[in-house]
Amino acid sequence: MQRVTVTLDDDLMAELDRLMADGGYANRSEAIRDLTRAGLARLRADATPDAPCVAAVVYTYDHQAREVARRVTATHHDHHDLTISSMHVHLDQDQCLEVSILKGSIGEVRHFADHLVAQRNIQNGEVVIIPAGAAKRLR
């Protein structure tokens, strides 16, 4: 392992310290290593859109909002080749959470997930893309 020195402004350092405390990190080095790994994985994924990946797209929506449930279902059917599995959870009387597991090329998966979470009345959408073989590279 190598030691490096990094200069951060006070506000950024305060955010890093909050991340460290909230995430249960033992020290700043662990937090910075995780942030670096995540950033590098994102850059690699963006640079290789044809590479295979698995992903999870998570989003919430108000099921009573006009046509949203029908649009979500249609979007999944339009990309049935990418969707491995989906789970639907009723959070309360109005709000639903869906988690979909996807598999395909990074570009196809990102396009599908971005299209899905950008739909009207979709709330809090996030996608996590894991390039195939990423676990081996991070060791």
Foldseek 3Di string as FASTA:
>chain_A
DDDDDDDDDPVVVVVLVVCCVVVVPPDSVVSVLVVVLLVVQVVVLVVFQQFKWKKKKKWKFFVPPPCLVVVLVVLCVVPVVFWPDKDWDDPDPTMIMMMTMTIGGSNVVVVSQVVSCPDPRIHDIDMDIDGVPSVVVSD
